[in-house]
Amino acid sequence: MNHHLTHEELAALIKTRAGITVAADAIEHPDATFDEFGVDSLGLLGIVGELENRYGTQIAPGAEMSKTPQQFLDAVNSSVKTGA
């Protein structure tokens, strides 16, 4: 699969799955953390579930424990790319 999850898509998923509105440009900042936005591991777990259903592949174990949006995007995009 060739899809690459973007900051914009992640921001939309945070809103729909975690119920928190976050601007895409805010999560693009390299030092941004999920804690700053009030997104916890349960919110990320909901996002992981949505992405696994969307892409039909498992997302890397532990992705829901990512501390930063960039860590999460890296884990998701790597999983989707390799079909892991």
PDB file of N, CA and C in Angstrom:
ATOM      1  N   MET A   1       0.844  -1.179   0.000  1.00  0.00           N
ATOM      2  CA  MET A   1       0.000   0.000   0.000  1.00  0.00           C
ATOM      3  C   MET A   1       0.885   1.237   0.000  1.00  0.00           C
ATOM      4  N   ASN A   2       0.490   2.233  -0.740  1.00  0.00           N
ATOM      5  CA  ASN A   2       1.308   3.426  -0.907  1.00  0.00           C
ATOM      6  C   ASN A   2       0.855   4.617  -0.078  1.00  0.00           C
ATOM      7  N   HIS A   3      -0.112   4.438   0.791  1.00  0.00           N
ATOM      8  CA  HIS A   3      -0.620   5.593   1.529  1.00  0.00           C
ATOM      9  C   HIS A   3       0.359   6.024   2.610  1.00  0.00           C
ATOM     10  N   HIS A   4       0.446   7.327   2.788  1.00  0.00           N
ATOM     11  CA  HIS A   4       1.325   7.929   3.793  1.00  0.00           C
ATOM     12  C   HIS A   4       0.450   8.816   4.672  1.00  0.00           C
ATOM     13  N   LEU A   5       0.294   8.463   5.957  1.00  0.00           N
ATOM     14  CA  LEU A   5      -0.521   9.256   6.869  1.00  0.00           C
ATOM     15  C   LEU A   5       0.143  10.604   7.104  1.00  0.00           C
ATOM     16  N   THR A   6      -0.623  11.662   6.928  1.00  0.00           N
ATOM     17  CA  THR A   6      -0.094  13.022   7.063  1.00  0.00           C
ATOM     18  C   THR A   6      -0.486  13.633   8.411  1.00  0.00           C
ATOM     19  N   HIS A   7       0.136  14.761   8.721  1.00  0.00           N
ATOM     20  CA  HIS A   7      -0.216  15.497   9.935  1.00  0.00           C
ATOM     21  C   HIS A   7      -1.684  15.930   9.896  1.00  0.00           C
ATOM     22  N   GLU A   8      -2.154  16.324   8.726  1.00  0.00           N
ATOM     23  CA  GLU A   8      -3.542  16.757   8.581  1.00  0.00           C
ATOM     24  C   GLU A   8      -4.501  15.612   8.869  1.00  0.00           C
ATOM     25  N   GLU A   9      -4.194  14.433   8.333  1.00  0.00           N
ATOM     26  CA  GLU A   9      -5.049  13.272   8.581  1.00  0.00           C
ATOM     27  C   GLU A   9      -5.009  12.862  10.049  1.00  0.00           C
ATOM     28  N   LEU A  10      -3.833  12.943  10.653  1.00  0.00           N
ATOM     29  CA  LEU A  10      -3.718  12.618  12.073  1.00  0.00           C
ATOM     30  C   LEU A  10      -4.535  13.596  12.907  1.00  0.00           C
ATOM     31  N   ALA A  11      -4.488  14.874  12.584  1.00  0.00           N
ATOM     32  CA  ALA A  11      -5.279  15.869  13.315  1.00  0.00           C
ATOM     33  C   ALA A  11      -6.771  15.550  13.216  1.00  0.00           C
ATOM     34  N   ALA A  12      -7.223  15.150  12.033  1.00  0.00           N
ATOM     35  CA  ALA A  12      -8.633  14.790  11.851  1.00  0.00           C
ATOM     36  C   ALA A  12      -8.988  13.550  12.666  1.00  0.00           C
ATOM     37  N   LEU A  13      -8.096  12.565  12.704  1.00  0.00           N
ATOM     38  CA  LEU A  13      -8.339  11.353  13.489  1.00  0.00           C
ATOM     39  C   LEU A  13      -8.354  11.645  14.984  1.00  0.00           C
ATOM     40  N   ILE A  14      -7.501  12.543  15.427  1.00  0.00           N
ATOM     41  CA  ILE A  14      -7.497  12.922  16.845  1.00  0.00           C
ATOM     42  C   ILE A  14      -8.853  13.526  17.207  1.00  0.00           C
ATOM     43  N   LYS A  15      -9.406  14.309  16.303  1.00  0.00           N
ATOM     44  CA  LYS A  15     -10.708  14.925  16.571  1.00  0.00           C
ATOM     45  C   LYS A  15     -11.816  13.878  16.600  1.00  0.00           C
ATOM     46  N   THR A  16     -11.841  12.979  15.618  1.00  0.00           N
ATOM     47  CA  THR A  16     -12.939  12.018  15.546  1.00  0.00           C
ATOM     48  C   THR A  16     -12.803  10.875  16.539  1.00  0.00           C
ATOM     49  N   ARG A  17     -11.592  10.438  16.824  1.00  0.00           N
ATOM     50  CA  ARG A  17     -11.395   9.277  17.692  1.00  0.00           C
ATOM     51  C   ARG A  17     -11.077   9.620  19.136  1.00  0.00           C
ATOM     52  N   ALA A  18     -10.445  10.751  19.378  1.00  0.00           N
ATOM     53  CA  ALA A  18     -10.101  11.135  20.753  1.00  0.00           C
ATOM     54  C   ALA A  18     -10.944  12.313  21.233  1.00  0.00           C
ATOM     55  N   GLY A  19     -11.696  12.931  20.314  1.00  0.00           N
ATOM     56  CA  GLY A  19     -12.569  14.030  20.681  1.00  0.00           C
ATOM     57  C   GLY A  19     -11.852  15.324  21.019  1.00  0.00           C
ATOM     58  N   ILE A  20     -10.642  15.480  20.499  1.00  0.00           N
ATOM     59  CA  ILE A  20      -9.837  16.665  20.799  1.00  0.00           C
ATOM     60  C   ILE A  20      -9.469  17.351  19.489  1.00  0.00           C
ATOM     61  N   THR A  21      -9.737  18.642  19.409  1.00  0.00           N
ATOM     62  CA  THR A  21      -9.394  19.401  18.212  1.00  0.00           C
ATOM     63  C   THR A  21      -7.960  19.899  18.323  1.00  0.00           C
ATOM     64  N   VAL A  22      -7.152  19.515  17.345  1.00  0.00           N
ATOM     65  CA  VAL A  22      -5.743  19.898  17.290  1.00  0.00           C
ATOM     66  C   VAL A  22      -5.454  20.392  15.879  1.00  0.00           C
ATOM     67  N   ALA A  23      -4.799  21.519  15.762  1.00  0.00           N
ATOM     68  CA  ALA A  23      -4.423  22.039  14.444  1.00  0.00           C
ATOM     69  C   ALA A  23      -3.270  21.216  13.880  1.00  0.00           C
ATOM     70  N   ALA A  24      -3.356  20.909  12.596  1.00  0.00           N
ATOM     71  CA  ALA A  24      -2.305  20.115  11.953  1.00  0.00           C
ATOM     72  C   ALA A  24      -0.944  20.778  12.087  1.00  0.00           C
ATOM     73  N   ASP A  25      -0.898  22.103  11.973  1.00  0.00           N
ATOM     74  CA  ASP A  25       0.401  22.767  12.072  1.00  0.00           C
ATOM     75  C   ASP A  25       0.977  22.677  13.486  1.00  0.00           C
ATOM     76  N   ALA A  26       0.129  22.525  14.490  1.00  0.00           N
ATOM     77  CA  ALA A  26       0.623  22.381  15.868  1.00  0.00           C
ATOM     78  C   ALA A  26       1.302  21.031  16.072  1.00  0.00           C
ATOM     79  N   ILE A  27       0.750  19.978  15.465  1.00  0.00           N
ATOM     80  CA  ILE A  27       1.368  18.660  15.652  1.00  0.00           C
ATOM     81  C   ILE A  27       2.574  18.452  14.741  1.00  0.00           C
ATOM     82  N   GLU A  28       2.776  19.347  13.791  1.00  0.00           N
ATOM     83  CA  GLU A  28       3.966  19.266  12.939  1.00  0.00           C
ATOM     84  C   GLU A  28       5.225  19.717  13.667  1.00  0.00           C
ATOM     85  N   HIS A  29       5.066  20.486  14.730  1.00  0.00           N
ATOM     86  CA  HIS A  29       6.230  20.985  15.471  1.00  0.00           C
ATOM     87  C   HIS A  29       7.000  19.795  16.039  1.00  0.00           C
ATOM     88  N   PRO A  30       8.319  19.721  15.818  1.00  0.00           N
ATOM     89  CA  PRO A  30       9.106  18.552  16.229  1.00  0.00           C
ATOM     90  C   PRO A  30       9.081  18.264  17.730  1.00  0.00           C
ATOM     91  N   ASP A  31       8.874  19.290  18.550  1.00  0.00           N
ATOM     92  CA  ASP A  31       8.868  19.091  20.003  1.00  0.00           C
ATOM     93  C   ASP A  31       7.472  18.858  20.571  1.00  0.00           C
ATOM     94  N   ALA A  32       6.454  18.852  19.721  1.00  0.00           N
ATOM     95  CA  ALA A  32       5.085  18.673  20.192  1.00  0.00           C
ATOM     96  C   ALA A  32       4.905  17.279  20.786  1.00  0.00           C
ATOM     97  N   THR A  33       4.163  17.209  21.878  1.00  0.00           N
ATOM     98  CA  THR A  33       3.858  15.913  22.492  1.00  0.00           C
ATOM     99  C   THR A  33       2.351  15.741  22.574  1.00  0.00           C
ATOM    100  N   PHE A  34       1.914  14.489  22.617  1.00  0.00           N
ATOM    101  CA  PHE A  34       0.491  14.228  22.763  1.00  0.00           C
ATOM    102  C   PHE A  34      -0.023  14.750  24.100  1.00  0.00           C
ATOM    103  N   ASP A  35       0.802  14.710  25.131  1.00  0.00           N
ATOM    104  CA  ASP A  35       0.398  15.232  26.442  1.00  0.00           C
ATOM    105  C   ASP A  35      -0.007  16.699  26.362  1.00  0.00           C
ATOM    106  N   GLU A  36       0.713  17.475  25.562  1.00  0.00           N
ATOM    107  CA  GLU A  36       0.391  18.900  25.402  1.00  0.00           C
ATOM    108  C   GLU A  36      -1.023  19.109  24.883  1.00  0.00           C
ATOM    109  N   PHE A  37      -1.496  18.167  24.079  1.00  0.00           N
ATOM    110  CA  PHE A  37      -2.809  18.291  23.455  1.00  0.00           C
ATOM    111  C   PHE A  37      -3.899  17.563  24.233  1.00  0.00           C
ATOM    112  N   GLY A  38      -3.506  16.847  25.282  1.00  0.00           N
ATOM    113  CA  GLY A  38      -4.479  16.098  26.078  1.00  0.00           C
ATOM    114  C   GLY A  38      -4.874  14.771  25.468  1.00  0.00           C
ATOM    115  N   VAL A  39      -4.044  14.255  24.567  1.00  0.00           N
ATOM    116  CA  VAL A  39      -4.313  12.970  23.925  1.00  0.00           C
ATOM    117  C   VAL A  39      -3.565  11.892  24.702  1.00  0.00           C
ATOM    118  N   ASP A  40      -4.312  10.910  25.216  1.00  0.00           N
ATOM    119  CA  ASP A  40      -3.680   9.841  25.985  1.00  0.00           C
ATOM    120  C   ASP A  40      -3.602   8.555  25.167  1.00  0.00           C
ATOM    121  N   SER A  41      -3.084   7.503  25.786  1.00  0.00           N
ATOM    122  CA  SER A  41      -2.890   6.242  25.067  1.00  0.00           C
ATOM    123  C   SER A  41      -4.218   5.632  24.633  1.00  0.00           C
ATOM    124  N   LEU A  42      -5.295   5.861  25.374  1.00  0.00           N
ATOM    125  CA  LEU A  42      -6.599   5.344  24.948  1.00  0.00           C
ATOM    126  C   LEU A  42      -7.078   6.048  23.683  1.00  0.00           C
ATOM    127  N   GLY A  43      -6.837   7.342  23.589  1.00  0.00           N
ATOM    128  CA  GLY A  43      -7.173   8.064  22.370  1.00  0.00           C
ATOM    129  C   GLY A  43      -6.374   7.548  21.189  1.00  0.00           C
ATOM    130  N   LEU A  44      -5.091   7.302  21.424  1.00  0.00           N
ATOM    131  CA  LEU A  44      -4.242   6.773  20.352  1.00  0.00           C
ATOM    132  C   LEU A  44      -4.648   5.352  19.978  1.00  0.00           C
ATOM    133  N   LEU A  45      -5.092   4.576  20.963  1.00  0.00           N
ATOM    134  CA  LEU A  45      -5.544   3.217  20.679  1.00  0.00           C
ATOM    135  C   LEU A  45      -6.758   3.240  19.747  1.00  0.00           C
ATOM    136  N   GLY A  46      -7.655   4.195  19.958  1.00  0.00           N
ATOM    137  CA  GLY A  46      -8.797   4.351  19.061  1.00  0.00           C
ATOM    138  C   GLY A  46      -8.363   4.711  17.653  1.00  0.00           C
ATOM    139  N   ILE A  47      -7.351   5.542  17.551  1.00  0.00           N
ATOM    140  CA  ILE A  47      -6.818   5.923  16.242  1.00  0.00           C
ATOM    141  C   ILE A  47      -6.156   4.723  15.575  1.00  0.00           C
ATOM    142  N   VAL A  48      -5.396   3.948  16.345  1.00  0.00           N
ATOM    143  CA  VAL A  48      -4.751   2.746  15.808  1.00  0.00           C
ATOM    144  C   VAL A  48      -5.811   1.791  15.261  1.00  0.00           C
ATOM    145  N   GLY A  49      -6.887   1.578  16.016  1.00  0.00           N
ATOM    146  CA  GLY A  49      -7.963   0.696  15.555  1.00  0.00           C
ATOM    147  C   GLY A  49      -8.575   1.173  14.254  1.00  0.00           C
ATOM    148  N   GLU A  50      -8.817   2.462  14.159  1.00  0.00           N
ATOM    149  CA  GLU A  50      -9.361   3.042  12.931  1.00  0.00           C
ATOM    150  C   GLU A  50      -8.413   2.811  11.754  1.00  0.00           C
ATOM    151  N   LEU A  51      -7.125   3.035  11.975  1.00  0.00           N
ATOM    152  CA  LEU A  51      -6.146   2.868  10.896  1.00  0.00           C
ATOM    153  C   LEU A  51      -5.986   1.407  10.499  1.00  0.00           C
ATOM    154  N   GLU A  52      -6.034   0.498  11.459  1.00  0.00           N
ATOM    155  CA  GLU A  52      -5.941  -0.926  11.126  1.00  0.00           C
ATOM    156  C   GLU A  52      -7.127  -1.352  10.272  1.00  0.00           C
ATOM    157  N   ASN A  53      -8.311  -0.850  10.591  1.00  0.00           N
ATOM    158  CA  ASN A  53      -9.488  -1.146   9.768  1.00  0.00           C
ATOM    159  C   ASN A  53      -9.367  -0.514   8.393  1.00  0.00           C
ATOM    160  N   ARG A  54      -8.895   0.703   8.348  1.00  0.00           N
ATOM    161  CA  ARG A  54      -8.777   1.435   7.088  1.00  0.00           C
ATOM    162  C   ARG A  54      -7.785   0.770   6.140  1.00  0.00           C
ATOM    163  N   TYR A  55      -6.633   0.378   6.664  1.00  0.00           N
ATOM    164  CA  TYR A  55      -5.563  -0.150   5.822  1.00  0.00           C
ATOM    165  C   TYR A  55      -5.508  -1.670   5.764  1.00  0.00           C
ATOM    166  N   GLY A  56      -6.272  -2.347   6.612  1.00  0.00           N
ATOM    167  CA  GLY A  56      -6.296  -3.803   6.595  1.00  0.00           C
ATOM    168  C   GLY A  56      -4.982  -4.433   7.014  1.00  0.00           C
ATOM    169  N   THR A  57      -4.241  -3.749   7.859  1.00  0.00           N
ATOM    170  CA  THR A  57      -2.972  -4.278   8.352  1.00  0.00           C
ATOM    171  C   THR A  57      -2.782  -3.846   9.796  1.00  0.00           C
ATOM    172  N   GLN A  58      -1.990  -4.611  10.531  1.00  0.00           N
ATOM    173  CA  GLN A  58      -1.702  -4.236  11.909  1.00  0.00           C
ATOM    174  C   GLN A  58      -0.711  -3.086  11.948  1.00  0.00           C
ATOM    175  N   ILE A  59      -0.940  -2.193  12.885  1.00  0.00           N
ATOM    176  CA  ILE A  59      -0.007  -1.097  13.134  1.00  0.00           C
ATOM    177  C   ILE A  59       0.993  -1.597  14.166  1.00  0.00           C
ATOM    178  N   ALA A  60       2.224  -1.144  14.067  1.00  0.00           N
ATOM    179  CA  ALA A  60       3.305  -1.598  14.948  1.00  0.00           C
ATOM    180  C   ALA A  60       2.864  -1.617  16.411  1.00  0.00           C
ATOM    181  N   PRO A  61       3.148  -2.720  17.116  1.00  0.00           N
ATOM    182  CA  PRO A  61       2.827  -2.784  18.541  1.00  0.00           C
ATOM    183  C   PRO A  61       3.490  -1.622  19.283  1.00  0.00           C
ATOM    184  N   GLY A  62       2.735  -1.026  20.184  1.00  0.00           N
ATOM    185  CA  GLY A  62       3.272   0.083  20.963  1.00  0.00           C
ATOM    186  C   GLY A  62       3.054   1.444  20.342  1.00  0.00           C
ATOM    187  N   ALA A  63       2.492   1.505  19.134  1.00  0.00           N
ATOM    188  CA  ALA A  63       2.263   2.807  18.492  1.00  0.00           C
ATOM    189  C   ALA A  63       1.391   3.695  19.374  1.00  0.00           C
ATOM    190  N   GLU A  64       0.453   3.074  20.090  1.00  0.00           N
ATOM    191  CA  GLU A  64      -0.437   3.856  20.953  1.00  0.00           C
ATOM    192  C   GLU A  64       0.279   4.453  22.162  1.00  0.00           C
ATOM    193  N   MET A  65       1.531   4.051  22.378  1.00  0.00           N
ATOM    194  CA  MET A  65       2.323   4.592  23.483  1.00  0.00           C
ATOM    195  C   MET A  65       3.290   5.683  23.013  1.00  0.00           C
ATOM    196  N   SER A  66       3.186   6.069  21.752  1.00  0.00           N
ATOM    197  CA  SER A  66       4.051   7.124  21.208  1.00  0.00           C
ATOM    198  C   SER A  66       3.894   8.396  22.025  1.00  0.00           C
ATOM    199  N   LYS A  67       4.998   9.070  22.253  1.00  0.00           N
ATOM    200  CA  LYS A  67       4.977  10.321  23.020  1.00  0.00           C
ATOM    201  C   LYS A  67       4.730  11.540  22.137  1.00  0.00           C
ATOM    202  N   THR A  68       5.122  11.437  20.868  1.00  0.00           N
ATOM    203  CA  THR A  68       4.981  12.582  19.969  1.00  0.00           C
ATOM    204  C   THR A  68       4.208  12.187  18.715  1.00  0.00           C
ATOM    205  N   PRO A  69       3.565  13.157  18.089  1.00  0.00           N
ATOM    206  CA  PRO A  69       2.900  12.871  16.829  1.00  0.00           C
ATOM    207  C   PRO A  69       3.864  12.309  15.779  1.00  0.00           C
ATOM    208  N   GLN A  70       5.096  12.805  15.744  1.00  0.00           N
ATOM    209  CA  GLN A  70       6.040  12.314  14.745  1.00  0.00           C
ATOM    210  C   GLN A  70       6.394  10.851  14.984  1.00  0.00           C
ATOM    211  N   GLN A  71       6.576  10.452  16.244  1.00  0.00           N
ATOM    212  CA  GLN A  71       6.829   9.037  16.554  1.00  0.00           C
ATOM    213  C   GLN A  71       5.661   8.183  16.073  1.00  0.00           C
ATOM    214  N   PHE A  72       4.456   8.658  16.317  1.00  0.00           N
ATOM    215  CA  PHE A  72       3.263   7.923  15.921  1.00  0.00           C
ATOM    216  C   PHE A  72       3.181   7.805  14.402  1.00  0.00           C
ATOM    217  N   LEU A  73       3.387   8.919  13.706  1.00  0.00           N
ATOM    218  CA  LEU A  73       3.352   8.894  12.243  1.00  0.00           C
ATOM    219  C   LEU A  73       4.409   7.955  11.680  1.00  0.00           C
ATOM    220  N   ASP A  74       5.604   7.977  12.251  1.00  0.00           N
ATOM    221  CA  ASP A  74       6.668   7.087  11.786  1.00  0.00           C
ATOM    222  C   ASP A  74       6.265   5.628  11.956  1.00  0.00           C
ATOM    223  N   ALA A  75       5.688   5.285  13.110  1.00  0.00           N
ATOM    224  CA  ALA A  75       5.272   3.904  13.373  1.00  0.00           C
ATOM    225  C   ALA A  75       4.168   3.478  12.414  1.00  0.00           C
ATOM    226  N   VAL A  76       3.183   4.342  12.229  1.00  0.00           N
ATOM    227  CA  VAL A  76       2.063   4.019  11.345  1.00  0.00           C
ATOM    228  C   VAL A  76       2.531   3.888   9.906  1.00  0.00           C
ATOM    229  N   ASN A  77       3.277   4.860   9.425  1.00  0.00           N
ATOM    230  CA  ASN A  77       3.702   4.832   8.027  1.00  0.00           C
ATOM    231  C   ASN A  77       4.637   3.671   7.737  1.00  0.00           C
ATOM    232  N   SER A  78       5.472   3.308   8.689  1.00  0.00           N
ATOM    233  CA  SER A  78       6.338   2.147   8.521  1.00  0.00           C
ATOM    234  C   SER A  78       5.504   0.868   8.447  1.00  0.00           C
ATOM    235  N   SER A  79       4.501   0.764   9.305  1.00  0.00           N
ATOM    236  CA  SER A  79       3.637  -0.421   9.313  1.00  0.00           C
ATOM    237  C   SER A  79       2.857  -0.549   8.017  1.00  0.00           C
ATOM    238  N   VAL A  80       2.316   0.555   7.541  1.00  0.00           N
ATOM    239  CA  VAL A  80       1.529   0.531   6.311  1.00  0.00           C
ATOM    240  C   VAL A  80       2.421   0.200   5.119  1.00  0.00           C
ATOM    241  N   LYS A  81       3.614   0.767   5.113  1.00  0.00           N
ATOM    242  CA  LYS A  81       4.548   0.533   4.003  1.00  0.00           C
ATOM    243  C   LYS A  81       4.962  -0.934   3.917  1.00  0.00           C
ATOM    244  N   THR A  82       5.247  -1.539   5.071  1.00  0.00           N
ATOM    245  CA  THR A  82       5.718  -2.926   5.078  1.00  0.00           C
ATOM    246  C   THR A  82       4.591  -3.936   5.203  1.00  0.00           C
ATOM    247  N   GLY A  83       3.385  -3.448   5.492  1.00  0.00           N
ATOM    248  CA  GLY A  83       2.274  -4.369   5.693  1.00  0.00           C
ATOM    249  C   GLY A  83       2.396  -5.140   6.983  1.00  0.00           C
ATOM    250  N   ALA A  84       3.184  -4.579   7.931  1.00  0.00           N
ATOM    251  CA  ALA A  84       3.428  -5.254   9.199  1.00  0.00           C
ATOM    252  C   ALA A  84       2.197  -5.191  10.045  1.00  0.00           C
TER     253      ALA A  84
END
